[in-house]
Amino acid sequence: MSLLTLDRVSKRYGDIPAVDQVSFEVDRGQVVGFLGPNGAGKSTTMRMITQFIEPDAGTIQLDGVPLDQAGREAKRRIGYLPENNPLYSEMLVSEYLDFVGRLRELAGPDRQRAIDEAVAATSLEPVYHRPIGELSKGFRQRVGLAAAILHRPDLLILDEPTEGLDPNQRVEIRRLISDLGRERTVLLSTHVLPELQFTCSRLLIINRGKLVADGPMDGLVARAKGAARVAVEAAGANVAERLGALPGVGDVEILEAADGRTRVVLTAASAEDLRPRVFEVAMVERWTLYELHQEAGSLEDLFRELTIEQESE
C-alpha cells in the first residue's frame, strides 16, 4: 500500500480551478519532485495534503486512511515547510524549536533529543542561541526545515526549501533531503530545476491544475524534445543540404565550423533516432565524420514542452 494517495482531487477558488482531478500515489522512501509554473496548483495541492485546506472533491489518503478520518493522527505523521516559512523573529532558535517540540507533543528527554538531531541535520549549531530575526535568509530556511523534521515525520512536504540559499547551502540541504528520503517519503517543490535532478528519482509536473507528467526522472527527461537533437560535424560536399533532406529531419541548424568542416544540429520530427541515417549518408557521400552524437534532453526542455508550449495551444 502506498503511503500517500490522491484520487481525483480538486479545489476551486471561485470560478477558477486551482487543482483539477489530480491523482497520484507515492510510496515510502521516495523523494518525489513536484514541478509546475507559478499558479499551476503546486502549493494548493501541498496545503490539501497537509490539511491546511480541504479539497472540494476527491480523497487524500495516508496509509489507506482518508485524511478527514485520520485527523490529528495524520498531522503527527506529516512535516511541512511552506514557501513563506513563517517564523517568530523575536524568539531564539533554541526557544522556537522547543516551542515547536511542545506543539508536536514531544516531552522531556525525547524532545531535547529530537531538537539535537534536527539542529545537527540542518547545521544550526552556530546560531542556536541567536534571535531568529537576526539570521540570514539561508539560516531562516534551515530553522524552518529543522522544525519540519523535528517530530521525525513519515511524510515530509517541502515547498521551495532552498529559496534564498547560497550554492554551498543548497548542496547541504540537497544532501539532507536525500538522506531523509532513505527513511521517509519526501515531496519536494522547487523552481531550481537542477535541485530536482540531483535529489529526486521521480517527477510530477502540474500545469493549469492538471497533472501532465508522472514518472521516473530519467525516463521523462529522456523523452523530452531536447533528446531528439543530433549534432553532426563532417567534412565533405553539401553536408547541410543532404542532411536536411533526410527522412525524419524536422529542422537543421547550421553552426560555425573550421578547416572545411560543416557543423549542424538536426532536430528529429519524431522519436526516431537519426544517427543511423546520418551515418549511412556519410558513407555514401564519402564524408569524414568528426562528430555524431544525440544530445541529452534536459529538465528545462521537458518543463517548457509540458507547460509553456501548452499555454500557447
C-alpha atoms as a PDB file:
ATOM      1  CA  MET A   1       0.000   0.000   0.000  1.00  0.00           C
ATOM      2  CA  SER A   2       1.272   3.470  -0.917  1.00  0.00           C
ATOM      3  CA  LEU A   3       1.951   5.915   1.887  1.00  0.00           C
ATOM      4  CA  LEU A   4       0.211   8.821   0.124  1.00  0.00           C
ATOM      5  CA  THR A   5      -2.667   8.541  -2.349  1.00  0.00           C
ATOM      6  CA  LEU A   6      -4.537  11.333  -4.121  1.00  0.00           C
ATOM      7  CA  ASP A   7      -7.650  10.254  -6.012  1.00  0.00           C
ATOM      8  CA  ARG A   8      -9.298  12.804  -8.355  1.00  0.00           C
ATOM      9  CA  VAL A   9      -8.612  15.693  -6.003  1.00  0.00           C
ATOM     10  CA  SER A  10      -9.990  19.103  -6.996  1.00  0.00           C
ATOM     11  CA  LYS A  11     -10.008  22.580  -5.478  1.00  0.00           C
ATOM     12  CA  ARG A  12     -11.614  25.753  -6.823  1.00  0.00           C
ATOM     13  CA  TYR A  13     -11.270  29.380  -5.808  1.00  0.00           C
ATOM     14  CA  GLY A  14     -14.489  30.924  -7.045  1.00  0.00           C
ATOM     15  CA  ASP A  15     -14.704  30.096 -10.742  1.00  0.00           C
ATOM     16  CA  ILE A  16     -11.008  29.286 -11.022  1.00  0.00           C
ATOM     17  CA  PRO A  17      -9.994  25.584 -10.851  1.00  0.00           C
ATOM     18  CA  ALA A  18      -6.721  25.631  -8.899  1.00  0.00           C
ATOM     19  CA  VAL A  19      -6.441  21.817  -8.844  1.00  0.00           C
ATOM     20  CA  ASP A  20      -8.448  19.718 -11.296  1.00  0.00           C
ATOM     21  CA  GLN A  21      -8.912  15.941 -10.854  1.00  0.00           C
ATOM     22  CA  VAL A  22      -5.338  15.254  -9.731  1.00  0.00           C
ATOM     23  CA  SER A  23      -4.463  11.636  -8.916  1.00  0.00           C
ATOM     24  CA  PHE A  24      -1.132  10.078  -7.948  1.00  0.00           C
ATOM     25  CA  GLU A  25       0.424   7.712  -5.394  1.00  0.00           C
ATOM     26  CA  VAL A  26       3.734   7.999  -3.556  1.00  0.00           C
ATOM     27  CA  ASP A  27       5.478   5.018  -1.945  1.00  0.00           C
ATOM     28  CA  ARG A  28       7.645   5.001   1.164  1.00  0.00           C
ATOM     29  CA  GLY A  29      11.253   6.034   0.787  1.00  0.00           C
ATOM     30  CA  GLN A  30      10.724   8.091  -2.362  1.00  0.00           C
ATOM     31  CA  VAL A  31      11.919  11.642  -2.946  1.00  0.00           C
ATOM     32  CA  VAL A  32       9.423  12.987  -5.457  1.00  0.00           C
ATOM     33  CA  GLY A  33       9.819  16.287  -7.284  1.00  0.00           C
ATOM     34  CA  PHE A  34       6.696  18.388  -7.758  1.00  0.00           C
ATOM     35  CA  LEU A  35       7.126  20.907 -10.563  1.00  0.00           C
ATOM     36  CA  GLY A  36       4.957  23.474 -12.288  1.00  0.00           C
ATOM     37  CA  PRO A  37       4.800  27.149 -13.251  1.00  0.00           C
ATOM     38  CA  ASN A  38       3.529  29.783 -10.845  1.00  0.00           C
ATOM     39  CA  GLY A  39      -0.196  29.368 -10.268  1.00  0.00           C
ATOM     40  CA  ALA A  40      -0.213  25.781 -11.558  1.00  0.00           C
ATOM     41  CA  GLY A  41      -1.635  24.319  -8.323  1.00  0.00           C
ATOM     42  CA  LYS A  42       1.501  23.019  -6.546  1.00  0.00           C
ATOM     43  CA  SER A  43       1.106  24.929  -3.299  1.00  0.00           C
ATOM     44  CA  THR A  44      -2.658  24.310  -3.218  1.00  0.00           C
ATOM     45  CA  THR A  45      -2.043  20.567  -3.576  1.00  0.00           C
ATOM     46  CA  MET A  46       0.530  20.621  -0.793  1.00  0.00           C
ATOM     47  CA  ARG A  47      -1.772  22.570   1.501  1.00  0.00           C
ATOM     48  CA  MET A  48      -4.504  19.992   0.943  1.00  0.00           C
ATOM     49  CA  ILE A  49      -2.124  17.138   1.759  1.00  0.00           C
ATOM     50  CA  THR A  50      -1.094  18.898   4.972  1.00  0.00           C
ATOM     51  CA  GLN A  51      -4.765  19.652   5.853  1.00  0.00           C
ATOM     52  CA  PHE A  52      -4.351  23.434   5.799  1.00  0.00           C
ATOM     53  CA  ILE A  53      -7.254  23.484   3.341  1.00  0.00           C
ATOM     54  CA  GLU A  54      -9.828  20.875   2.356  1.00  0.00           C
ATOM     55  CA  PRO A  55     -10.374  19.595  -1.198  1.00  0.00           C
ATOM     56  CA  ASP A  56     -13.702  20.319  -2.868  1.00  0.00           C
ATOM     57  CA  ALA A  57     -13.758  16.847  -4.393  1.00  0.00           C
ATOM     58  CA  GLY A  58     -11.748  13.637  -4.329  1.00  0.00           C
ATOM     59  CA  THR A  59      -9.912  11.944  -1.475  1.00  0.00           C
ATOM     60  CA  ILE A  60      -6.421  12.101   0.022  1.00  0.00           C
ATOM     61  CA  GLN A  61      -5.285   9.041   1.971  1.00  0.00           C
ATOM     62  CA  LEU A  62      -2.333   8.427   4.269  1.00  0.00           C
ATOM     63  CA  ASP A  63      -1.588   4.722   4.620  1.00  0.00           C
ATOM     64  CA  GLY A  64      -5.013   3.967   3.154  1.00  0.00           C
ATOM     65  CA  VAL A  65      -6.905   6.140   5.665  1.00  0.00           C
ATOM     66  CA  PRO A  66      -8.646   9.306   4.370  1.00  0.00           C
ATOM     67  CA  LEU A  67      -7.178  12.436   5.935  1.00  0.00           C
ATOM     68  CA  ASP A  68     -10.577  13.677   7.051  1.00  0.00           C
ATOM     69  CA  GLN A  69     -10.909  10.488   9.117  1.00  0.00           C
ATOM     70  CA  ALA A  70      -7.313  10.313  10.355  1.00  0.00           C
ATOM     71  CA  GLY A  71      -7.432  13.880  11.731  1.00  0.00           C
ATOM     72  CA  ARG A  72      -4.667  14.727  14.205  1.00  0.00           C
ATOM     73  CA  GLU A  73      -3.019  11.332  13.829  1.00  0.00           C
ATOM     74  CA  ALA A  74      -2.253  12.155  10.185  1.00  0.00           C
ATOM     75  CA  LYS A  75      -0.850  15.553  11.167  1.00  0.00           C
ATOM     76  CA  ARG A  76       1.521  13.865  13.584  1.00  0.00           C
ATOM     77  CA  ARG A  77       2.993  11.923  10.659  1.00  0.00           C
ATOM     78  CA  ILE A  78       3.435  14.863   8.270  1.00  0.00           C
ATOM     79  CA  GLY A  79       6.123  17.553   8.293  1.00  0.00           C
ATOM     80  CA  TYR A  80       5.645  20.730   6.268  1.00  0.00           C
ATOM     81  CA  LEU A  81       7.915  23.588   5.255  1.00  0.00           C
ATOM     82  CA  PRO A  82       5.689  26.143   3.458  1.00  0.00           C
ATOM     83  CA  GLU A  83       7.067  28.543   0.885  1.00  0.00           C
ATOM     84  CA  ASN A  84       6.725  31.600   3.144  1.00  0.00           C
ATOM     85  CA  ASN A  85       8.370  29.782   6.109  1.00  0.00           C
ATOM     86  CA  PRO A  86       6.538  31.529   8.977  1.00  0.00           C
ATOM     87  CA  LEU A  87       8.791  32.056  11.998  1.00  0.00           C
ATOM     88  CA  TYR A  88       8.672  34.058  15.252  1.00  0.00           C
ATOM     89  CA  SER A  89      11.521  36.507  14.713  1.00  0.00           C
ATOM     90  CA  GLU A  90      11.676  37.573  18.383  1.00  0.00           C
ATOM     91  CA  MET A  91      12.409  34.015  19.568  1.00  0.00           C
ATOM     92  CA  LEU A  92      15.841  32.449  19.862  1.00  0.00           C
ATOM     93  CA  VAL A  93      16.337  29.450  17.581  1.00  0.00           C
ATOM     94  CA  SER A  94      16.511  27.238  20.670  1.00  0.00           C
ATOM     95  CA  GLU A  95      13.264  28.692  22.030  1.00  0.00           C
ATOM     96  CA  TYR A  96      11.451  28.284  18.720  1.00  0.00           C
ATOM     97  CA  LEU A  97      12.441  24.647  18.272  1.00  0.00           C
ATOM     98  CA  ASP A  98      11.468  23.894  21.870  1.00  0.00           C
ATOM     99  CA  PHE A  99       8.121  25.608  21.205  1.00  0.00           C
ATOM    100  CA  VAL A 100       7.561  23.504  18.081  1.00  0.00           C
ATOM    101  CA  GLY A 101       8.540  20.385  20.011  1.00  0.00           C
ATOM    102  CA  ARG A 102       5.879  21.145  22.624  1.00  0.00           C
ATOM    103  CA  LEU A 103       3.275  21.699  19.910  1.00  0.00           C
ATOM    104  CA  ARG A 104       4.271  18.315  18.481  1.00  0.00           C
ATOM    105  CA  GLU A 105       3.682  16.786  21.926  1.00  0.00           C
ATOM    106  CA  LEU A 106       7.312  15.766  22.385  1.00  0.00           C
ATOM    107  CA  ALA A 107       8.113  15.571  26.084  1.00  0.00           C
ATOM    108  CA  GLY A 108      11.188  15.566  28.313  1.00  0.00           C
ATOM    109  CA  PRO A 109      14.391  13.937  27.036  1.00  0.00           C
ATOM    110  CA  ASP A 110      12.721  12.861  23.798  1.00  0.00           C
ATOM    111  CA  ARG A 111      12.033  16.496  22.871  1.00  0.00           C
ATOM    112  CA  GLN A 112      15.617  17.585  23.518  1.00  0.00           C
ATOM    113  CA  ARG A 113      16.941  14.563  21.642  1.00  0.00           C
ATOM    114  CA  ALA A 114      14.729  15.422  18.654  1.00  0.00           C
ATOM    115  CA  ILE A 115      15.896  19.057  18.747  1.00  0.00           C
ATOM    116  CA  ASP A 116      19.555  17.995  18.890  1.00  0.00           C
ATOM    117  CA  GLU A 117      19.072  15.701  15.869  1.00  0.00           C
ATOM    118  CA  ALA A 118      17.267  18.381  13.840  1.00  0.00           C
ATOM    119  CA  VAL A 119      19.883  21.025  14.688  1.00  0.00           C
ATOM    120  CA  ALA A 120      22.726  18.709  13.696  1.00  0.00           C
ATOM    121  CA  ALA A 121      20.984  17.688  10.469  1.00  0.00           C
ATOM    122  CA  THR A 122      20.460  21.305   9.397  1.00  0.00           C
ATOM    123  CA  SER A 123      23.798  22.663  10.727  1.00  0.00           C
ATOM    124  CA  LEU A 124      22.179  25.225  13.018  1.00  0.00           C
ATOM    125  CA  GLU A 125      24.739  24.957  15.815  1.00  0.00           C
ATOM    126  CA  PRO A 126      26.381  28.373  15.108  1.00  0.00           C
ATOM    127  CA  VAL A 127      23.058  30.232  15.502  1.00  0.00           C
ATOM    128  CA  TYR A 128      21.276  28.023  18.019  1.00  0.00           C
ATOM    129  CA  HIS A 129      21.239  30.725  20.732  1.00  0.00           C
ATOM    130  CA  ARG A 130      20.634  33.704  18.424  1.00  0.00           C
ATOM    131  CA  PRO A 131      17.317  35.503  17.739  1.00  0.00           C
ATOM    132  CA  ILE A 132      15.660  34.344  14.535  1.00  0.00           C
ATOM    133  CA  GLY A 133      15.197  37.968  13.474  1.00  0.00           C
ATOM    134  CA  GLU A 134      18.971  38.409  13.232  1.00  0.00           C
ATOM    135  CA  LEU A 135      19.512  35.415  10.968  1.00  0.00           C
ATOM    136  CA  SER A 136      20.225  35.446   7.236  1.00  0.00           C
ATOM    137  CA  LYS A 137      17.610  34.099   4.829  1.00  0.00           C
ATOM    138  CA  GLY A 138      19.612  30.905   4.481  1.00  0.00           C
ATOM    139  CA  PHE A 139      19.674  30.213   8.208  1.00  0.00           C
ATOM    140  CA  ARG A 140      15.959  31.038   8.480  1.00  0.00           C
ATOM    141  CA  GLN A 141      15.254  28.386   5.855  1.00  0.00           C
ATOM    142  CA  ARG A 142      17.264  25.901   7.870  1.00  0.00           C
ATOM    143  CA  VAL A 143      15.295  26.759  11.021  1.00  0.00           C
ATOM    144  CA  GLY A 144      12.070  26.078   9.123  1.00  0.00           C
ATOM    145  CA  LEU A 145      13.416  22.774   7.851  1.00  0.00           C
ATOM    146  CA  ALA A 146      14.559  21.773  11.338  1.00  0.00           C
ATOM    147  CA  ALA A 147      11.038  22.477  12.641  1.00  0.00           C
ATOM    148  CA  ALA A 148       9.529  20.405   9.814  1.00  0.00           C
ATOM    149  CA  ILE A 149      11.613  17.308  10.645  1.00  0.00           C
ATOM    150  CA  LEU A 150      11.603  17.738  14.425  1.00  0.00           C
ATOM    151  CA  HIS A 151       8.943  15.096  15.084  1.00  0.00           C
ATOM    152  CA  ARG A 152      10.502  12.599  12.626  1.00  0.00           C
ATOM    153  CA  PRO A 153       7.573  12.602  10.174  1.00  0.00           C
ATOM    154  CA  ASP A 154       6.823   9.739   7.769  1.00  0.00           C
ATOM    155  CA  LEU A 155       5.854  12.245   5.048  1.00  0.00           C
ATOM    156  CA  LEU A 156       7.801  15.473   4.535  1.00  0.00           C
ATOM    157  CA  ILE A 157       6.336  18.239   2.338  1.00  0.00           C
ATOM    158  CA  LEU A 158       8.888  20.858   1.264  1.00  0.00           C
ATOM    159  CA  ASP A 159       7.781  23.940  -0.695  1.00  0.00           C
ATOM    160  CA  GLU A 160      10.833  25.814  -2.071  1.00  0.00           C
ATOM    161  CA  PRO A 161      13.190  24.657   0.729  1.00  0.00           C
ATOM    162  CA  THR A 162      16.340  26.129  -0.862  1.00  0.00           C
ATOM    163  CA  GLU A 163      14.895  29.571  -1.600  1.00  0.00           C
ATOM    164  CA  GLY A 164      17.450  32.235  -0.715  1.00  0.00           C
ATOM    165  CA  LEU A 165      20.307  29.830  -0.001  1.00  0.00           C
ATOM    166  CA  ASP A 166      23.795  30.232  -1.430  1.00  0.00           C
ATOM    167  CA  PRO A 167      25.287  27.406  -3.558  1.00  0.00           C
ATOM    168  CA  ASN A 168      27.095  25.788  -0.623  1.00  0.00           C
ATOM    169  CA  GLN A 169      23.937  25.819   1.500  1.00  0.00           C
ATOM    170  CA  ARG A 170      21.956  24.357  -1.403  1.00  0.00           C
ATOM    171  CA  VAL A 171      24.366  21.431  -1.553  1.00  0.00           C
ATOM    172  CA  GLU A 172      23.959  20.815   2.182  1.00  0.00           C
ATOM    173  CA  ILE A 173      20.150  20.944   2.055  1.00  0.00           C
ATOM    174  CA  ARG A 174      20.181  18.713  -1.031  1.00  0.00           C
ATOM    175  CA  ARG A 175      22.268  16.180   0.888  1.00  0.00           C
ATOM    176  CA  LEU A 176      19.912  16.376   3.845  1.00  0.00           C
ATOM    177  CA  ILE A 177      16.840  15.837   1.662  1.00  0.00           C
ATOM    178  CA  SER A 178      18.479  12.812   0.024  1.00  0.00           C
ATOM    179  CA  ASP A 179      19.307  11.377   3.448  1.00  0.00           C
ATOM    180  CA  LEU A 180      15.760  11.978   4.673  1.00  0.00           C
ATOM    181  CA  GLY A 181      14.414  10.171   1.615  1.00  0.00           C
ATOM    182  CA  ARG A 182      16.046   6.932   2.705  1.00  0.00           C
ATOM    183  CA  GLU A 183      13.745   6.690   5.713  1.00  0.00           C
ATOM    184  CA  ARG A 184      10.848   8.979   4.814  1.00  0.00           C
ATOM    185  CA  THR A 185       8.713   9.966   1.879  1.00  0.00           C
ATOM    186  CA  VAL A 186       9.584  13.458   0.622  1.00  0.00           C
ATOM    187  CA  LEU A 187       7.501  15.607  -1.725  1.00  0.00           C
ATOM    188  CA  LEU A 188       9.715  18.461  -2.933  1.00  0.00           C
ATOM    189  CA  SER A 189       8.643  21.549  -4.856  1.00  0.00           C
ATOM    190  CA  THR A 190      11.242  23.977  -6.181  1.00  0.00           C
ATOM    191  CA  HIS A 191      11.876  26.359  -9.074  1.00  0.00           C
ATOM    192  CA  VAL A 192      15.573  25.393  -9.082  1.00  0.00           C
ATOM    193  CA  LEU A 193      15.430  22.656 -11.715  1.00  0.00           C
ATOM    194  CA  PRO A 194      18.899  21.159 -11.018  1.00  0.00           C
ATOM    195  CA  GLU A 195      17.793  20.577  -7.409  1.00  0.00           C
ATOM    196  CA  LEU A 196      15.147  18.158  -8.663  1.00  0.00           C
ATOM    197  CA  GLN A 197      17.526  16.286 -10.948  1.00  0.00           C
ATOM    198  CA  PHE A 198      20.135  15.894  -8.203  1.00  0.00           C
ATOM    199  CA  THR A 199      17.650  14.938  -5.489  1.00  0.00           C
ATOM    200  CA  CYS A 200      14.585  13.202  -6.936  1.00  0.00           C
ATOM    201  CA  SER A 201      14.112   9.836  -8.589  1.00  0.00           C
ATOM    202  CA  ARG A 202      10.539  10.595  -9.654  1.00  0.00           C
ATOM    203  CA  LEU A 203       8.860  13.690 -11.055  1.00  0.00           C
ATOM    204  CA  LEU A 204       5.321  15.036 -11.046  1.00  0.00           C
ATOM    205  CA  ILE A 205       4.529  18.030 -13.276  1.00  0.00           C
ATOM    206  CA  ILE A 206       1.331  20.029 -12.835  1.00  0.00           C
ATOM    207  CA  ASN A 207       0.082  22.693 -15.231  1.00  0.00           C
ATOM    208  CA  ARG A 208      -3.121  24.732 -15.006  1.00  0.00           C
ATOM    209  CA  GLY A 209      -4.342  22.482 -12.209  1.00  0.00           C
ATOM    210  CA  LYS A 210      -3.881  19.198 -14.083  1.00  0.00           C
ATOM    211  CA  LEU A 211      -1.180  16.577 -13.712  1.00  0.00           C
ATOM    212  CA  VAL A 212       0.602  16.465 -17.091  1.00  0.00           C
ATOM    213  CA  ALA A 213       3.519  14.131 -16.277  1.00  0.00           C
ATOM    214  CA  ASP A 214       4.313  11.434 -13.724  1.00  0.00           C
ATOM    215  CA  GLY A 215       7.238   9.062 -13.961  1.00  0.00           C
ATOM    216  CA  PRO A 216      10.907   8.339 -13.272  1.00  0.00           C
ATOM    217  CA  MET A 217      13.051  11.465 -13.612  1.00  0.00           C
ATOM    218  CA  ASP A 218      15.498   9.937 -16.111  1.00  0.00           C
ATOM    219  CA  GLY A 219      12.762   8.459 -18.270  1.00  0.00           C
ATOM    220  CA  LEU A 220      10.773  11.676 -18.533  1.00  0.00           C
ATOM    221  CA  VAL A 221      13.841  13.783 -19.324  1.00  0.00           C
ATOM    222  CA  ALA A 222      14.988  11.268 -21.956  1.00  0.00           C
ATOM    223  CA  ARG A 223      11.665  11.680 -23.774  1.00  0.00           C
ATOM    224  CA  ALA A 224      11.899  15.486 -23.816  1.00  0.00           C
ATOM    225  CA  LYS A 225      12.169  17.137 -27.202  1.00  0.00           C
ATOM    226  CA  GLY A 226      15.749  18.114 -26.434  1.00  0.00           C
ATOM    227  CA  ALA A 227      16.660  14.443 -26.665  1.00  0.00           C
ATOM    228  CA  ALA A 228      15.608  14.450 -30.348  1.00  0.00           C
ATOM    229  CA  ARG A 229      18.573  16.642 -31.409  1.00  0.00           C
ATOM    230  CA  VAL A 230      21.626  15.189 -33.134  1.00  0.00           C
ATOM    231  CA  ALA A 231      24.885  17.096 -33.513  1.00  0.00           C
ATOM    232  CA  VAL A 232      26.922  16.365 -36.652  1.00  0.00           C
ATOM    233  CA  GLU A 233      30.313  17.668 -37.778  1.00  0.00           C
ATOM    234  CA  ALA A 234      31.591  16.442 -41.128  1.00  0.00           C
ATOM    235  CA  ALA A 235      33.939  17.361 -43.972  1.00  0.00           C
ATOM    236  CA  GLY A 236      32.544  16.881 -47.457  1.00  0.00           C
ATOM    237  CA  ALA A 237      30.234  18.295 -50.097  1.00  0.00           C
ATOM    238  CA  ASN A 238      26.728  19.627 -49.424  1.00  0.00           C
ATOM    239  CA  VAL A 239      26.612  18.315 -45.862  1.00  0.00           C
ATOM    240  CA  ALA A 240      23.842  20.603 -44.581  1.00  0.00           C
ATOM    241  CA  GLU A 241      21.699  20.177 -47.716  1.00  0.00           C
ATOM    242  CA  ARG A 242      21.911  16.379 -47.746  1.00  0.00           C
ATOM    243  CA  LEU A 243      21.236  16.044 -44.033  1.00  0.00           C
ATOM    244  CA  GLY A 244      18.285  18.430 -44.213  1.00  0.00           C
ATOM    245  CA  ALA A 245      16.731  16.246 -46.907  1.00  0.00           C
ATOM    246  CA  LEU A 246      16.893  13.057 -44.843  1.00  0.00           C
ATOM    247  CA  PRO A 247      13.547  11.456 -43.888  1.00  0.00           C
ATOM    248  CA  GLY A 248      12.633  12.238 -40.281  1.00  0.00           C
ATOM    249  CA  VAL A 249      14.571  15.521 -40.055  1.00  0.00           C
ATOM    250  CA  GLY A 250      12.376  18.397 -38.954  1.00  0.00           C
ATOM    251  CA  ASP A 251      14.887  21.218 -38.697  1.00  0.00           C
ATOM    252  CA  VAL A 252      18.541  21.930 -39.464  1.00  0.00           C
ATOM    253  CA  GLU A 253      20.613  24.469 -37.526  1.00  0.00           C
ATOM    254  CA  ILE A 254      23.942  25.338 -39.172  1.00  0.00           C
ATOM    255  CA  LEU A 255      26.725  26.251 -36.745  1.00  0.00           C
ATOM    256  CA  GLU A 256      30.176  27.703 -37.315  1.00  0.00           C
ATOM    257  CA  ALA A 257      32.946  25.250 -38.126  1.00  0.00           C
ATOM    258  CA  ALA A 258      36.565  25.468 -39.291  1.00  0.00           C
ATOM    259  CA  ASP A 259      39.010  23.678 -41.606  1.00  0.00           C
ATOM    260  CA  GLY A 260      36.424  22.968 -44.276  1.00  0.00           C
ATOM    261  CA  ARG A 261      34.088  21.147 -41.932  1.00  0.00           C
ATOM    262  CA  THR A 262      30.342  21.679 -41.632  1.00  0.00           C
ATOM    263  CA  ARG A 263      28.685  21.531 -38.214  1.00  0.00           C
ATOM    264  CA  VAL A 264      24.903  21.175 -37.907  1.00  0.00           C
ATOM    265  CA  VAL A 265      22.314  20.237 -35.300  1.00  0.00           C
ATOM    266  CA  LEU A 266      19.400  18.179 -36.609  1.00  0.00           C
ATOM    267  CA  THR A 267      16.036  18.107 -34.853  1.00  0.00           C
ATOM    268  CA  ALA A 268      14.004  14.956 -35.402  1.00  0.00           C
ATOM    269  CA  ALA A 269      10.400  15.288 -36.477  1.00  0.00           C
ATOM    270  CA  SER A 270       9.521  12.199 -34.407  1.00  0.00           C
ATOM    271  CA  ALA A 271      11.041   9.956 -31.757  1.00  0.00           C
ATOM    272  CA  GLU A 272      13.230   8.197 -34.345  1.00  0.00           C
ATOM    273  CA  ASP A 273      16.981   8.122 -33.738  1.00  0.00           C
ATOM    274  CA  LEU A 274      18.526   9.962 -36.705  1.00  0.00           C
ATOM    275  CA  ARG A 275      22.083   8.719 -36.213  1.00  0.00           C
ATOM    276  CA  PRO A 276      21.858   5.558 -38.386  1.00  0.00           C
ATOM    277  CA  ARG A 277      20.538   7.626 -41.320  1.00  0.00           C
ATOM    278  CA  VAL A 278      23.290  10.205 -40.875  1.00  0.00           C
ATOM    279  CA  PHE A 279      25.957   7.511 -40.788  1.00  0.00           C
ATOM    280  CA  GLU A 280      24.593   5.863 -43.955  1.00  0.00           C
ATOM    281  CA  VAL A 281      24.562   9.082 -45.973  1.00  0.00           C
ATOM    282  CA  ALA A 282      28.064   9.938 -44.736  1.00  0.00           C
ATOM    283  CA  MET A 283      29.313   6.572 -46.044  1.00  0.00           C
ATOM    284  CA  VAL A 284      27.600   7.051 -49.406  1.00  0.00           C
ATOM    285  CA  GLU A 285      28.858  10.627 -49.802  1.00  0.00           C
ATOM    286  CA  ARG A 286      32.325   9.663 -48.515  1.00  0.00           C
ATOM    287  CA  TRP A 287      32.313  12.375 -45.871  1.00  0.00           C
ATOM    288  CA  THR A 288      34.755  12.386 -42.997  1.00  0.00           C
ATOM    289  CA  LEU A 289      32.734  12.331 -39.757  1.00  0.00           C
ATOM    290  CA  TYR A 290      34.259  14.189 -36.843  1.00  0.00           C
ATOM    291  CA  GLU A 291      31.197  14.159 -34.592  1.00  0.00           C
ATOM    292  CA  LEU A 292      27.891  12.311 -34.420  1.00  0.00           C
ATOM    293  CA  HIS A 293      26.004  12.238 -31.145  1.00  0.00           C
ATOM    294  CA  GLN A 294      22.496  12.617 -29.827  1.00  0.00           C
ATOM    295  CA  GLU A 295      22.108  15.445 -27.358  1.00  0.00           C
ATOM    296  CA  ALA A 296      20.663  14.621 -23.969  1.00  0.00           C
ATOM    297  CA  GLY A 297      17.321  16.097 -23.106  1.00  0.00           C
ATOM    298  CA  SER A 298      17.100  18.374 -20.089  1.00  0.00           C
ATOM    299  CA  LEU A 299      14.565  19.009 -17.379  1.00  0.00           C
ATOM    300  CA  GLU A 300      14.207  22.527 -18.776  1.00  0.00           C
ATOM    301  CA  ASP A 301      13.290  21.075 -22.190  1.00  0.00           C
ATOM    302  CA  LEU A 302      10.676  18.860 -20.549  1.00  0.00           C
ATOM    303  CA  PHE A 303       9.263  21.684 -18.447  1.00  0.00           C
ATOM    304  CA  ARG A 304       8.905  24.009 -21.443  1.00  0.00           C
ATOM    305  CA  GLU A 305       7.372  21.254 -23.536  1.00  0.00           C
ATOM    306  CA  LEU A 306       4.683  20.446 -20.966  1.00  0.00           C
ATOM    307  CA  THR A 307       3.912  23.957 -19.718  1.00  0.00           C
ATOM    308  CA  ILE A 308       4.936  26.886 -21.906  1.00  0.00           C
ATOM    309  CA  GLU A 309       4.009  25.194 -25.172  1.00  0.00           C
ATOM    310  CA  GLN A 310       0.642  24.110 -23.772  1.00  0.00           C
ATOM    311  CA  GLU A 311      -0.113  27.696 -22.809  1.00  0.00           C
ATOM    312  CA  SER A 312       0.142  28.714 -26.476  1.00  0.00           C
ATOM    313  CA  GLU A 313      -2.212  25.989 -27.704  1.00  0.00           C
END
